[in-house]
């Protein structure tokens, strides 16, 4: 099946091309399949809302009194800005833990604003600046609530990670034994699923009540905790879009109230075509109008366009 083709042009010449696989599921109905939707790919950070579901479902969110913004940061890939770091720190504090228990590693903030603030303060980044620190704070909190070992919370055989795998299987409809496992950039297990199964998982997630509703309502109410470009999408259509991106060009989007799940994989791993592809798909799903395809330079001059060939 042919891929979606995204062309970036300048003065009528094609400068670059991205091939994109797309799956769109509405309830039990397949709406759109393009590219390699049956080949398993790793979810990467797109798995975070489902991993947050595990935390909430475990009872940890209720036991420790996590606020919606804290549940949102568990589901996000944040930029290391002060309010985001504070939300992750608050999760740990409420659970009676410290950042020392996190095993996600340290990297500089991905937010230019946060990085400049650290530089001006002559401070080094710490583990809470990791864009996955919210997820890990949720994981260790659930681990403590379950009475499991904190030191090995990232081991695929750990009780928490077995629960995460079962969560992915539950929403995707793929048996746990057939879900591929890998190690993510933050050292947590990540899951390989066909793109159509990811879309099916998101379609189910945006319609289910209980813990799923609690997670998605938190994300949509506090999109700044989820990170870019998801914050732009969810802020543009409050309460109507749930979105989460991941590394290597993977993106998931759901439409609450419509039971729609969208899964995207850019074959070269670049996230640049995400918004262009979504701008072409969403009007077909009854959300929004076709977006401006113009490419503008820093002076605001139109210098080219983005063409999406479905």
C-alpha atoms as a PDB file:
ATOM      1  CA  UNK A   1       0.000   0.000   0.000  1.00  0.00           C
ATOM      2  CA  UNK A   2       1.424   3.380  -0.959  1.00  0.00           C
ATOM      3  CA  UNK A   3       2.707   5.762   1.689  1.00  0.00           C
ATOM      4  CA  UNK A   4       1.474   9.280   2.246  1.00  0.00           C
ATOM      5  CA  UNK A   5       3.924  11.553   0.468  1.00  0.00           C
ATOM      6  CA  UNK A   6       4.801  14.908   2.046  1.00  0.00           C
ATOM      7  CA  UNK A   7       6.711  17.290  -0.213  1.00  0.00           C
ATOM      8  CA  UNK A   8       8.416  20.509   0.894  1.00  0.00           C
ATOM      9  CA  UNK A   9       8.833  22.892  -2.032  1.00  0.00           C
ATOM     10  CA  UNK A  10      10.575  26.183  -2.690  1.00  0.00           C
ATOM     11  CA  UNK A  11       9.947  28.289  -5.806  1.00  0.00           C
ATOM     12  CA  UNK A  12       8.093  25.357  -7.302  1.00  0.00           C
ATOM     13  CA  UNK A  13      10.952  22.881  -6.792  1.00  0.00           C
ATOM     14  CA  UNK A  14      10.709  19.928  -4.410  1.00  0.00           C
ATOM     15  CA  UNK A  15      13.443  20.317  -1.772  1.00  0.00           C
ATOM     16  CA  UNK A  16      12.652  17.269   0.343  1.00  0.00           C
ATOM     17  CA  UNK A  17      10.198  14.396   0.609  1.00  0.00           C
ATOM     18  CA  UNK A  18       8.966  12.334   3.561  1.00  0.00           C
ATOM     19  CA  UNK A  19       7.164   8.994   3.271  1.00  0.00           C
ATOM     20  CA  UNK A  20       4.580   8.511   6.007  1.00  0.00           C
ATOM     21  CA  UNK A  21       2.519   5.534   7.140  1.00  0.00           C
ATOM     22  CA  UNK A  22      -0.906   6.351   8.583  1.00  0.00           C
ATOM     23  CA  UNK A  23      -3.693   4.367  10.238  1.00  0.00           C
ATOM     24  CA  UNK A  24      -7.042   5.872  11.197  1.00  0.00           C
ATOM     25  CA  UNK A  25      -9.537   3.791  13.183  1.00  0.00           C
ATOM     26  CA  UNK A  26     -13.043   4.848  14.261  1.00  0.00           C
ATOM     27  CA  UNK A  27     -14.442   2.363  16.767  1.00  0.00           C
ATOM     28  CA  UNK A  28     -14.267  -0.994  14.998  1.00  0.00           C
ATOM     29  CA  UNK A  29     -14.092   0.613  11.544  1.00  0.00           C
ATOM     30  CA  UNK A  30     -10.931   1.191   9.534  1.00  0.00           C
ATOM     31  CA  UNK A  31     -11.114   4.678   8.008  1.00  0.00           C
ATOM     32  CA  UNK A  32      -7.692   5.029   6.393  1.00  0.00           C
ATOM     33  CA  UNK A  33      -4.593   2.891   5.931  1.00  0.00           C
ATOM     34  CA  UNK A  34      -1.521   4.112   4.086  1.00  0.00           C
ATOM     35  CA  UNK A  35       1.980   2.688   4.006  1.00  0.00           C
ATOM     36  CA  UNK A  36       3.254  -0.056   6.294  1.00  0.00           C
ATOM     37  CA  UNK A  37       0.534  -0.213   8.929  1.00  0.00           C
ATOM     38  CA  UNK A  38       1.005  -3.923   9.703  1.00  0.00           C
ATOM     39  CA  UNK A  39       4.729  -3.679  10.494  1.00  0.00           C
ATOM     40  CA  UNK A  40       5.450  -3.324  14.235  1.00  0.00           C
ATOM     41  CA  UNK A  41       7.172  -0.085  15.245  1.00  0.00           C
ATOM     42  CA  UNK A  42       8.089   1.119  18.710  1.00  0.00           C
ATOM     43  CA  UNK A  43       5.591   3.437  20.371  1.00  0.00           C
ATOM     44  CA  UNK A  44       8.317   5.342  22.202  1.00  0.00           C
ATOM     45  CA  UNK A  45       6.781   8.252  24.159  1.00  0.00           C
ATOM     46  CA  UNK A  46       3.390   7.700  22.529  1.00  0.00           C
ATOM     47  CA  UNK A  47       2.970   4.995  25.175  1.00  0.00           C
ATOM     48  CA  UNK A  48       2.985   7.541  28.026  1.00  0.00           C
ATOM     49  CA  UNK A  49      -0.793   8.076  28.330  1.00  0.00           C
ATOM     50  CA  UNK A  50      -1.222   4.317  28.639  1.00  0.00           C
ATOM     51  CA  UNK A  51       1.569   4.074  31.205  1.00  0.00           C
ATOM     52  CA  UNK A  52      -0.155   6.847  33.149  1.00  0.00           C
ATOM     53  CA  UNK A  53      -3.336   4.756  33.023  1.00  0.00           C
ATOM     54  CA  UNK A  54      -1.410   2.020  34.840  1.00  0.00           C
ATOM     55  CA  UNK A  55      -0.407   4.478  37.565  1.00  0.00           C
ATOM     56  CA  UNK A  56      -3.961   5.744  38.043  1.00  0.00           C
ATOM     57  CA  UNK A  57      -5.479   2.267  37.826  1.00  0.00           C
ATOM     58  CA  UNK A  58      -3.038   0.989  40.470  1.00  0.00           C
ATOM     59  CA  UNK A  59      -4.640   3.352  43.002  1.00  0.00           C
ATOM     60  CA  UNK A  60      -1.450   5.397  43.432  1.00  0.00           C
ATOM     61  CA  UNK A  61      -2.960   8.624  42.069  1.00  0.00           C
ATOM     62  CA  UNK A  62      -5.799   8.426  44.563  1.00  0.00           C
ATOM     63  CA  UNK A  63      -3.606   7.328  47.471  1.00  0.00           C
ATOM     64  CA  UNK A  64      -1.083  10.136  46.992  1.00  0.00           C
ATOM     65  CA  UNK A  65      -3.567  12.794  45.883  1.00  0.00           C
ATOM     66  CA  UNK A  66      -2.073  13.549  42.477  1.00  0.00           C
ATOM     67  CA  UNK A  67      -3.552  16.651  40.845  1.00  0.00           C
ATOM     68  CA  UNK A  68      -4.553  16.732  37.149  1.00  0.00           C
ATOM     69  CA  UNK A  69      -1.431  18.696  36.177  1.00  0.00           C
ATOM     70  CA  UNK A  70       0.685  15.980  37.819  1.00  0.00           C
ATOM     71  CA  UNK A  71      -1.121  13.237  35.912  1.00  0.00           C
ATOM     72  CA  UNK A  72      -0.584  15.295  32.754  1.00  0.00           C
ATOM     73  CA  UNK A  73       3.178  15.546  33.322  1.00  0.00           C
ATOM     74  CA  UNK A  74       3.303  11.758  33.773  1.00  0.00           C
ATOM     75  CA  UNK A  75       1.832  11.519  30.279  1.00  0.00           C
ATOM     76  CA  UNK A  76       4.059  14.169  28.731  1.00  0.00           C
ATOM     77  CA  UNK A  77       7.468  14.754  27.212  1.00  0.00           C
ATOM     78  CA  UNK A  78       8.216  18.088  28.808  1.00  0.00           C
ATOM     79  CA  UNK A  79      10.828  20.697  28.025  1.00  0.00           C
ATOM     80  CA  UNK A  80      12.316  21.070  31.496  1.00  0.00           C
ATOM     81  CA  UNK A  81      10.646  24.406  32.223  1.00  0.00           C
ATOM     82  CA  UNK A  82      10.243  25.400  35.896  1.00  0.00           C
ATOM     83  CA  UNK A  83       6.520  24.594  36.191  1.00  0.00           C
ATOM     84  CA  UNK A  84       7.052  21.216  34.531  1.00  0.00           C
ATOM     85  CA  UNK A  85       9.991  20.323  36.769  1.00  0.00           C
ATOM     86  CA  UNK A  86       7.929  21.448  39.771  1.00  0.00           C
ATOM     87  CA  UNK A  87       5.073  19.129  38.777  1.00  0.00           C
ATOM     88  CA  UNK A  88       7.400  16.118  38.571  1.00  0.00           C
ATOM     89  CA  UNK A  89       9.004  17.069  41.890  1.00  0.00           C
ATOM     90  CA  UNK A  90       5.555  17.363  43.486  1.00  0.00           C
ATOM     91  CA  UNK A  91       4.647  13.816  42.436  1.00  0.00           C
ATOM     92  CA  UNK A  92       7.730  12.491  44.208  1.00  0.00           C
ATOM     93  CA  UNK A  93       7.150  14.618  47.295  1.00  0.00           C
ATOM     94  CA  UNK A  94       3.553  13.425  47.661  1.00  0.00           C
ATOM     95  CA  UNK A  95       4.732   9.816  47.355  1.00  0.00           C
ATOM     96  CA  UNK A  96       7.447  10.352  49.969  1.00  0.00           C
ATOM     97  CA  UNK A  97      10.244   9.870  47.425  1.00  0.00           C
ATOM     98  CA  UNK A  98      13.174  11.912  46.099  1.00  0.00           C
ATOM     99  CA  UNK A  99      14.624  12.403  42.588  1.00  0.00           C
ATOM    100  CA  UNK A 100      17.453  10.034  43.551  1.00  0.00           C
ATOM    101  CA  UNK A 101      15.188   7.026  42.883  1.00  0.00           C
ATOM    102  CA  UNK A 102      14.669   7.941  39.219  1.00  0.00           C
ATOM    103  CA  UNK A 103      16.596   5.901  36.641  1.00  0.00           C
ATOM    104  CA  UNK A 104      15.798   7.929  33.508  1.00  0.00           C
ATOM    105  CA  UNK A 105      19.151   9.720  33.341  1.00  0.00           C
ATOM    106  CA  UNK A 106      19.915  13.413  32.915  1.00  0.00           C
ATOM    107  CA  UNK A 107      20.002  15.614  29.838  1.00  0.00           C
ATOM    108  CA  UNK A 108      19.746  19.377  29.259  1.00  0.00           C
ATOM    109  CA  UNK A 109      16.235  20.834  28.967  1.00  0.00           C
ATOM    110  CA  UNK A 110      14.791  20.608  25.460  1.00  0.00           C
ATOM    111  CA  UNK A 111      13.142  23.994  26.000  1.00  0.00           C
ATOM    112  CA  UNK A 112      15.439  26.821  24.868  1.00  0.00           C
ATOM    113  CA  UNK A 113      13.869  29.054  27.522  1.00  0.00           C
ATOM    114  CA  UNK A 114      14.636  26.558  30.293  1.00  0.00           C
ATOM    115  CA  UNK A 115      18.161  25.972  29.018  1.00  0.00           C
ATOM    116  CA  UNK A 116      18.890  29.708  29.001  1.00  0.00           C
ATOM    117  CA  UNK A 117      17.548  30.032  32.551  1.00  0.00           C
ATOM    118  CA  UNK A 118      19.891  27.283  33.774  1.00  0.00           C
ATOM    119  CA  UNK A 119      22.837  28.861  31.979  1.00  0.00           C
ATOM    120  CA  UNK A 120      22.141  32.292  33.460  1.00  0.00           C
ATOM    121  CA  UNK A 121      21.804  30.767  36.927  1.00  0.00           C
ATOM    122  CA  UNK A 122      25.042  28.807  36.354  1.00  0.00           C
ATOM    123  CA  UNK A 123      23.256  25.591  37.243  1.00  0.00           C
ATOM    124  CA  UNK A 124      23.616  22.109  35.791  1.00  0.00           C
ATOM    125  CA  UNK A 125      20.529  20.130  34.689  1.00  0.00           C
ATOM    126  CA  UNK A 126      19.397  17.339  36.963  1.00  0.00           C
ATOM    127  CA  UNK A 127      17.269  14.240  36.497  1.00  0.00           C
ATOM    128  CA  UNK A 128      14.013  16.232  36.729  1.00  0.00           C
ATOM    129  CA  UNK A 129      14.958  18.117  33.543  1.00  0.00           C
ATOM    130  CA  UNK A 130      14.782  14.829  31.653  1.00  0.00           C
ATOM    131  CA  UNK A 131      11.719  15.016  29.417  1.00  0.00           C
ATOM    132  CA  UNK A 132      10.538  11.677  30.829  1.00  0.00           C
ATOM    133  CA  UNK A 133      10.907  12.582  34.516  1.00  0.00           C
ATOM    134  CA  UNK A 134       7.140  12.955  34.899  1.00  0.00           C
ATOM    135  CA  UNK A 135       6.555   9.445  33.603  1.00  0.00           C
ATOM    136  CA  UNK A 136       9.267   8.020  35.837  1.00  0.00           C
ATOM    137  CA  UNK A 137       7.954   9.894  38.874  1.00  0.00           C
ATOM    138  CA  UNK A 138       4.585   8.287  38.251  1.00  0.00           C
ATOM    139  CA  UNK A 139       6.173   4.869  37.813  1.00  0.00           C
ATOM    140  CA  UNK A 140       8.125   4.960  41.074  1.00  0.00           C
ATOM    141  CA  UNK A 141       5.070   6.258  42.921  1.00  0.00           C
ATOM    142  CA  UNK A 142       2.977   3.351  41.628  1.00  0.00           C
ATOM    143  CA  UNK A 143       5.815   0.987  42.501  1.00  0.00           C
ATOM    144  CA  UNK A 144       5.853   2.238  46.078  1.00  0.00           C
ATOM    145  CA  UNK A 145       2.058   2.022  46.317  1.00  0.00           C
ATOM    146  CA  UNK A 146       2.171  -1.595  45.085  1.00  0.00           C
ATOM    147  CA  UNK A 147       4.879  -2.493  47.600  1.00  0.00           C
ATOM    148  CA  UNK A 148       7.275  -3.592  44.841  1.00  0.00           C
ATOM    149  CA  UNK A 149      11.040  -3.016  44.647  1.00  0.00           C
ATOM    150  CA  UNK A 150      12.025   0.513  43.660  1.00  0.00           C
ATOM    151  CA  UNK A 151      15.553  -0.404  42.584  1.00  0.00           C
ATOM    152  CA  UNK A 152      14.361  -2.547  39.669  1.00  0.00           C
ATOM    153  CA  UNK A 153      11.256  -0.656  38.580  1.00  0.00           C
ATOM    154  CA  UNK A 154      12.477  -0.524  34.950  1.00  0.00           C
ATOM    155  CA  UNK A 155      13.075  -4.263  34.598  1.00  0.00           C
ATOM    156  CA  UNK A 156      10.582  -5.738  32.095  1.00  0.00           C
ATOM    157  CA  UNK A 157       9.915  -8.517  34.611  1.00  0.00           C
ATOM    158  CA  UNK A 158       9.062  -6.022  37.383  1.00  0.00           C
ATOM    159  CA  UNK A 159       5.404  -6.104  38.538  1.00  0.00           C
ATOM    160  CA  UNK A 160       4.873  -2.506  37.364  1.00  0.00           C
ATOM    161  CA  UNK A 161       6.273  -3.158  33.889  1.00  0.00           C
ATOM    162  CA  UNK A 162       4.207  -6.325  33.563  1.00  0.00           C
ATOM    163  CA  UNK A 163       1.183  -4.149  34.316  1.00  0.00           C
ATOM    164  CA  UNK A 164       2.271  -1.649  31.665  1.00  0.00           C
ATOM    165  CA  UNK A 165       2.569  -4.410  29.089  1.00  0.00           C
ATOM    166  CA  UNK A 166      -0.888  -5.693  30.043  1.00  0.00           C
ATOM    167  CA  UNK A 167      -2.252  -2.138  29.640  1.00  0.00           C
ATOM    168  CA  UNK A 168      -0.891  -1.870  26.085  1.00  0.00           C
ATOM    169  CA  UNK A 169      -2.321  -5.301  25.272  1.00  0.00           C
ATOM    170  CA  UNK A 170      -5.703  -4.351  26.733  1.00  0.00           C
ATOM    171  CA  UNK A 171      -6.175  -1.216  24.661  1.00  0.00           C
ATOM    172  CA  UNK A 172      -4.514  -2.396  21.445  1.00  0.00           C
ATOM    173  CA  UNK A 173      -6.087  -5.829  21.292  1.00  0.00           C
ATOM    174  CA  UNK A 174      -2.671  -7.400  20.677  1.00  0.00           C
ATOM    175  CA  UNK A 175      -1.819 -10.275  23.078  1.00  0.00           C
ATOM    176  CA  UNK A 176       0.997  -9.364  25.468  1.00  0.00           C
ATOM    177  CA  UNK A 177       3.125 -12.238  24.182  1.00  0.00           C
ATOM    178  CA  UNK A 178       3.049 -10.779  20.665  1.00  0.00           C
ATOM    179  CA  UNK A 179       4.076  -7.244  21.652  1.00  0.00           C
ATOM    180  CA  UNK A 180       7.740  -6.555  20.983  1.00  0.00           C
ATOM    181  CA  UNK A 181       9.825  -5.007  23.739  1.00  0.00           C
ATOM    182  CA  UNK A 182      12.776  -2.650  23.540  1.00  0.00           C
ATOM    183  CA  UNK A 183      14.521  -0.130  25.778  1.00  0.00           C
ATOM    184  CA  UNK A 184      13.510   3.507  25.373  1.00  0.00           C
ATOM    185  CA  UNK A 185      15.815   6.518  25.583  1.00  0.00           C
ATOM    186  CA  UNK A 186      14.842   6.920  29.246  1.00  0.00           C
ATOM    187  CA  UNK A 187      15.658   3.229  29.956  1.00  0.00           C
ATOM    188  CA  UNK A 188      12.013   2.209  30.409  1.00  0.00           C
ATOM    189  CA  UNK A 189      10.569  -0.633  28.329  1.00  0.00           C
ATOM    190  CA  UNK A 190       8.940   0.456  25.079  1.00  0.00           C
ATOM    191  CA  UNK A 191       6.470  -1.506  22.980  1.00  0.00           C
ATOM    192  CA  UNK A 192       6.436  -2.507  19.302  1.00  0.00           C
ATOM    193  CA  UNK A 193       2.982  -2.635  17.728  1.00  0.00           C
ATOM    194  CA  UNK A 194       1.583  -2.401  14.202  1.00  0.00           C
ATOM    195  CA  UNK A 195       0.441   1.125  13.457  1.00  0.00           C
ATOM    196  CA  UNK A 196      -3.170   0.009  13.044  1.00  0.00           C
ATOM    197  CA  UNK A 197      -3.048  -1.492  16.563  1.00  0.00           C
ATOM    198  CA  UNK A 198      -1.762   1.815  17.953  1.00  0.00           C
ATOM    199  CA  UNK A 199      -4.647   3.635  16.274  1.00  0.00           C
ATOM    200  CA  UNK A 200      -7.070   1.084  17.703  1.00  0.00           C
ATOM    201  CA  UNK A 201      -5.573   1.588  21.180  1.00  0.00           C
ATOM    202  CA  UNK A 202      -6.043   5.358  20.975  1.00  0.00           C
ATOM    203  CA  UNK A 203      -9.594   4.987  19.615  1.00  0.00           C
ATOM    204  CA  UNK A 204     -10.451   2.878  22.662  1.00  0.00           C
ATOM    205  CA  UNK A 205      -8.575   5.151  25.078  1.00  0.00           C
ATOM    206  CA  UNK A 206     -10.484   8.307  24.122  1.00  0.00           C
ATOM    207  CA  UNK A 207     -13.844   6.619  24.683  1.00  0.00           C
ATOM    208  CA  UNK A 208     -13.321   4.665  27.907  1.00  0.00           C
ATOM    209  CA  UNK A 209     -14.295   6.075  31.304  1.00  0.00           C
ATOM    210  CA  UNK A 210     -12.569   5.561  34.637  1.00  0.00           C
ATOM    211  CA  UNK A 211      -8.789   5.845  34.647  1.00  0.00           C
ATOM    212  CA  UNK A 212      -8.591   6.540  30.896  1.00  0.00           C
ATOM    213  CA  UNK A 213     -10.957   9.470  31.257  1.00  0.00           C
ATOM    214  CA  UNK A 214      -8.978  10.805  34.191  1.00  0.00           C
ATOM    215  CA  UNK A 215      -5.726  10.692  32.216  1.00  0.00           C
ATOM    216  CA  UNK A 216      -7.084  12.253  29.034  1.00  0.00           C
ATOM    217  CA  UNK A 217      -8.969  14.982  30.895  1.00  0.00           C
ATOM    218  CA  UNK A 218      -5.754  15.861  32.742  1.00  0.00           C
ATOM    219  CA  UNK A 219      -3.786  16.007  29.487  1.00  0.00           C
ATOM    220  CA  UNK A 220      -6.375  18.141  27.710  1.00  0.00           C
ATOM    221  CA  UNK A 221      -6.760  20.481  30.690  1.00  0.00           C
ATOM    222  CA  UNK A 222      -2.989  20.942  31.050  1.00  0.00           C
ATOM    223  CA  UNK A 223      -1.491  20.564  27.555  1.00  0.00           C
ATOM    224  CA  UNK A 224       1.578  22.599  28.559  1.00  0.00           C
ATOM    225  CA  UNK A 225       2.584  19.626  30.713  1.00  0.00           C
ATOM    226  CA  UNK A 226       2.426  17.293  27.699  1.00  0.00           C
ATOM    227  CA  UNK A 227       4.960  19.145  25.558  1.00  0.00           C
ATOM    228  CA  UNK A 228       5.275  20.318  21.981  1.00  0.00           C
ATOM    229  CA  UNK A 229       3.793  20.051  19.423  1.00  0.00           C
ATOM    230  CA  UNK A 230       0.925  18.419  21.339  1.00  0.00           C
ATOM    231  CA  UNK A 231       0.262  21.584  23.328  1.00  0.00           C
ATOM    232  CA  UNK A 232      -0.438  23.491  20.112  1.00  0.00           C
ATOM    233  CA  UNK A 233      -2.931  20.918  18.832  1.00  0.00           C
ATOM    234  CA  UNK A 234      -4.780  20.421  22.104  1.00  0.00           C
ATOM    235  CA  UNK A 235      -4.892  24.141  22.852  1.00  0.00           C
ATOM    236  CA  UNK A 236      -6.341  24.845  19.402  1.00  0.00           C
ATOM    237  CA  UNK A 237      -9.293  22.510  20.014  1.00  0.00           C
ATOM    238  CA  UNK A 238      -9.800  22.295  23.813  1.00  0.00           C
ATOM    239  CA  UNK A 239     -11.402  19.043  24.909  1.00  0.00           C
ATOM    240  CA  UNK A 240     -11.629  17.753  21.334  1.00  0.00           C
ATOM    241  CA  UNK A 241      -8.128  16.398  20.705  1.00  0.00           C
ATOM    242  CA  UNK A 242      -5.839  14.115  22.695  1.00  0.00           C
ATOM    243  CA  UNK A 243      -2.327  13.990  21.262  1.00  0.00           C
ATOM    244  CA  UNK A 244       1.053  12.488  22.094  1.00  0.00           C
ATOM    245  CA  UNK A 245       4.216  12.332  20.034  1.00  0.00           C
ATOM    246  CA  UNK A 246       7.206  10.043  20.299  1.00  0.00           C
ATOM    247  CA  UNK A 247      10.730   9.674  18.980  1.00  0.00           C
ATOM    248  CA  UNK A 248      11.507   8.384  15.499  1.00  0.00           C
ATOM    249  CA  UNK A 249       8.505  10.039  13.870  1.00  0.00           C
ATOM    250  CA  UNK A 250       5.695   8.276  15.737  1.00  0.00           C
ATOM    251  CA  UNK A 251       2.549  10.237  16.631  1.00  0.00           C
ATOM    252  CA  UNK A 252      -0.804   9.296  18.156  1.00  0.00           C
ATOM    253  CA  UNK A 253      -3.957  11.388  18.176  1.00  0.00           C
ATOM    254  CA  UNK A 254      -7.460  10.657  19.413  1.00  0.00           C
ATOM    255  CA  UNK A 255     -10.799  12.440  19.083  1.00  0.00           C
ATOM    256  CA  UNK A 256     -12.885  12.053  22.267  1.00  0.00           C
ATOM    257  CA  UNK A 257     -16.575  11.729  21.535  1.00  0.00           C
ATOM    258  CA  UNK A 258     -15.862  10.392  18.049  1.00  0.00           C
ATOM    259  CA  UNK A 259     -13.994   7.227  19.016  1.00  0.00           C
ATOM    260  CA  UNK A 260     -11.279   8.016  16.478  1.00  0.00           C
ATOM    261  CA  UNK A 261      -7.636   7.015  16.793  1.00  0.00           C
ATOM    262  CA  UNK A 262      -4.890   8.182  14.432  1.00  0.00           C
ATOM    263  CA  UNK A 263      -1.387   6.699  14.319  1.00  0.00           C
ATOM    264  CA  UNK A 264       1.438   8.143  12.223  1.00  0.00           C
ATOM    265  CA  UNK A 265       4.951   6.891  11.513  1.00  0.00           C
ATOM    266  CA  UNK A 266       7.339   9.018   9.450  1.00  0.00           C
ATOM    267  CA  UNK A 267       9.608   6.476   7.819  1.00  0.00           C
ATOM    268  CA  UNK A 268      12.789   8.545   8.153  1.00  0.00           C
ATOM    269  CA  UNK A 269      12.076   9.261  11.831  1.00  0.00           C
ATOM    270  CA  UNK A 270      11.596  13.013  11.363  1.00  0.00           C
ATOM    271  CA  UNK A 271       8.647  14.595  13.193  1.00  0.00           C
ATOM    272  CA  UNK A 272       8.469  17.545  10.796  1.00  0.00           C
ATOM    273  CA  UNK A 273       5.577  16.156   8.638  1.00  0.00           C
ATOM    274  CA  UNK A 274       3.277  15.376  11.603  1.00  0.00           C
ATOM    275  CA  UNK A 275       1.269  18.580  11.515  1.00  0.00           C
ATOM    276  CA  UNK A 276       1.004  18.641   7.741  1.00  0.00           C
ATOM    277  CA  UNK A 277      -0.378  15.097   7.652  1.00  0.00           C
ATOM    278  CA  UNK A 278      -2.814  15.816  10.482  1.00  0.00           C
ATOM    279  CA  UNK A 279      -3.928  19.024   8.760  1.00  0.00           C
ATOM    280  CA  UNK A 280      -4.823  16.910   5.732  1.00  0.00           C
ATOM    281  CA  UNK A 281      -6.594  14.180   7.745  1.00  0.00           C
ATOM    282  CA  UNK A 282      -8.532  16.053  10.444  1.00  0.00           C
ATOM    283  CA  UNK A 283     -10.944  17.898   8.117  1.00  0.00           C
ATOM    284  CA  UNK A 284     -11.947  14.491   6.723  1.00  0.00           C
ATOM    285  CA  UNK A 285     -12.828  13.476  10.262  1.00  0.00           C
ATOM    286  CA  UNK A 286     -15.014  16.517  10.816  1.00  0.00           C
ATOM    287  CA  UNK A 287     -12.501  18.592  12.767  1.00  0.00           C
ATOM    288  CA  UNK A 288     -11.244  21.885  11.407  1.00  0.00           C
ATOM    289  CA  UNK A 289     -10.642  23.194   7.930  1.00  0.00           C
ATOM    290  CA  UNK A 290      -7.712  22.574   5.581  1.00  0.00           C
ATOM    291  CA  UNK A 291      -4.710  24.458   6.948  1.00  0.00           C
ATOM    292  CA  UNK A 292      -2.547  26.978   5.127  1.00  0.00           C
ATOM    293  CA  UNK A 293       0.125  24.974   3.302  1.00  0.00           C
ATOM    294  CA  UNK A 294       2.439  27.923   2.695  1.00  0.00           C
ATOM    295  CA  UNK A 295       6.043  27.893   3.863  1.00  0.00           C
ATOM    296  CA  UNK A 296       7.074  31.326   5.110  1.00  0.00           C
ATOM    297  CA  UNK A 297      10.539  32.586   5.955  1.00  0.00           C
ATOM    298  CA  UNK A 298      11.537  34.588   9.035  1.00  0.00           C
ATOM    299  CA  UNK A 299      10.375  37.813   7.379  1.00  0.00           C
ATOM    300  CA  UNK A 300       6.935  36.359   6.735  1.00  0.00           C
ATOM    301  CA  UNK A 301       7.444  35.982   2.991  1.00  0.00           C
ATOM    302  CA  UNK A 302       5.826  32.982   1.301  1.00  0.00           C
ATOM    303  CA  UNK A 303       8.687  30.977  -0.221  1.00  0.00           C
ATOM    304  CA  UNK A 304       7.145  27.559  -0.846  1.00  0.00           C
ATOM    305  CA  UNK A 305       4.480  25.111   0.227  1.00  0.00           C
ATOM    306  CA  UNK A 306       3.940  21.753   1.871  1.00  0.00           C
ATOM    307  CA  UNK A 307       2.100  19.241  -0.300  1.00  0.00           C
ATOM    308  CA  UNK A 308       0.466  16.179   1.262  1.00  0.00           C
ATOM    309  CA  UNK A 309      -0.480  13.430  -1.152  1.00  0.00           C
ATOM    310  CA  UNK A 310      -2.817  10.949   0.533  1.00  0.00           C
END
